[in-house]
């Protein structure tokens, strides 16, 4: 009998934790990953341009 009552009381808690995990992933983790991805790409381009020079045709001689 206790296994049935434990299962019944654990379902709402598990559902609440799944909702919390979903909201945490969608509101915190995914935006942070998006900002980190765009920021790291910008940093890579900036460092590349420091080494190779700005884009465009070479200056006339």
Protein backbone atom coordinates (compact mmCIF):
# COMPACT_ATOMS: atom_id res chain seq x y z
CA UNK A 1 0.00 0.00 0.00
CA UNK A 2 2.75 2.48 0.79
CA UNK A 3 4.28 2.09 -2.66
CA UNK A 4 1.02 3.25 -4.23
CA UNK A 5 0.73 6.30 -2.00
CA UNK A 6 4.41 7.20 -2.54
CA UNK A 7 3.92 7.00 -6.30
CA UNK A 8 0.82 9.18 -6.14
CA UNK A 9 2.56 11.85 -4.09
CA UNK A 10 5.70 11.76 -6.24
CA UNK A 11 3.89 12.44 -9.53
CA UNK A 12 3.05 16.12 -8.86
CA UNK A 13 6.58 16.73 -7.56
CA UNK A 14 8.11 15.10 -10.63
CA UNK A 15 5.85 17.12 -12.95
CA UNK A 16 6.77 20.32 -11.11
CA UNK A 17 10.47 19.51 -11.47
CA UNK A 18 10.03 18.80 -15.20
CA UNK A 19 8.26 22.13 -15.68
CA UNK A 20 11.00 23.89 -13.71
CA UNK A 21 13.69 22.17 -15.80
CA UNK A 22 11.92 23.15 -19.03
CA UNK A 23 11.56 26.77 -17.95
CA UNK A 24 15.16 26.90 -16.76
CA UNK A 25 16.41 25.51 -20.07
CA UNK A 26 14.27 27.83 -22.20
CA UNK A 27 14.72 31.00 -20.12
CA UNK A 28 18.34 30.68 -18.93
CA UNK A 29 20.42 28.04 -20.68
CA UNK A 30 19.36 28.55 -24.30
CA UNK A 31 19.68 32.37 -24.28
CA UNK A 32 23.06 32.04 -22.56
CA UNK A 33 24.22 29.56 -25.20
CA UNK A 34 23.00 31.86 -27.97
CA UNK A 35 24.86 34.86 -26.52
CA UNK A 36 27.98 32.76 -25.95
CA UNK A 37 27.88 31.42 -29.52
CA UNK A 38 27.46 34.83 -31.14
CA UNK A 39 30.01 36.39 -28.82
CA UNK A 40 32.63 33.73 -29.43
CA UNK A 41 32.10 34.01 -33.20
CA UNK A 42 32.57 37.78 -32.96
CA UNK A 43 35.73 37.31 -30.92
CA UNK A 44 37.13 34.85 -33.48
CA UNK A 45 36.41 37.27 -36.34
CA UNK A 46 37.94 40.17 -34.40
CA UNK A 47 41.14 38.21 -33.67
CA UNK A 48 41.31 37.01 -37.28
CA UNK A 49 41.01 40.60 -38.52
CA UNK A 50 43.76 41.72 -36.13
CA UNK A 51 46.06 39.15 -37.75
CA UNK A 52 44.92 39.26 -41.40
CA UNK A 53 43.78 42.88 -41.62
CA UNK A 54 40.34 44.30 -42.30
CA UNK A 55 38.24 42.97 -45.16
CA UNK A 56 38.19 44.69 -48.53
CA UNK A 57 40.60 45.35 -51.34
CA UNK A 58 44.21 46.06 -50.46
CA UNK A 59 45.20 49.74 -50.31
CA UNK A 60 46.67 51.20 -53.54
CA UNK A 61 50.43 51.57 -53.71
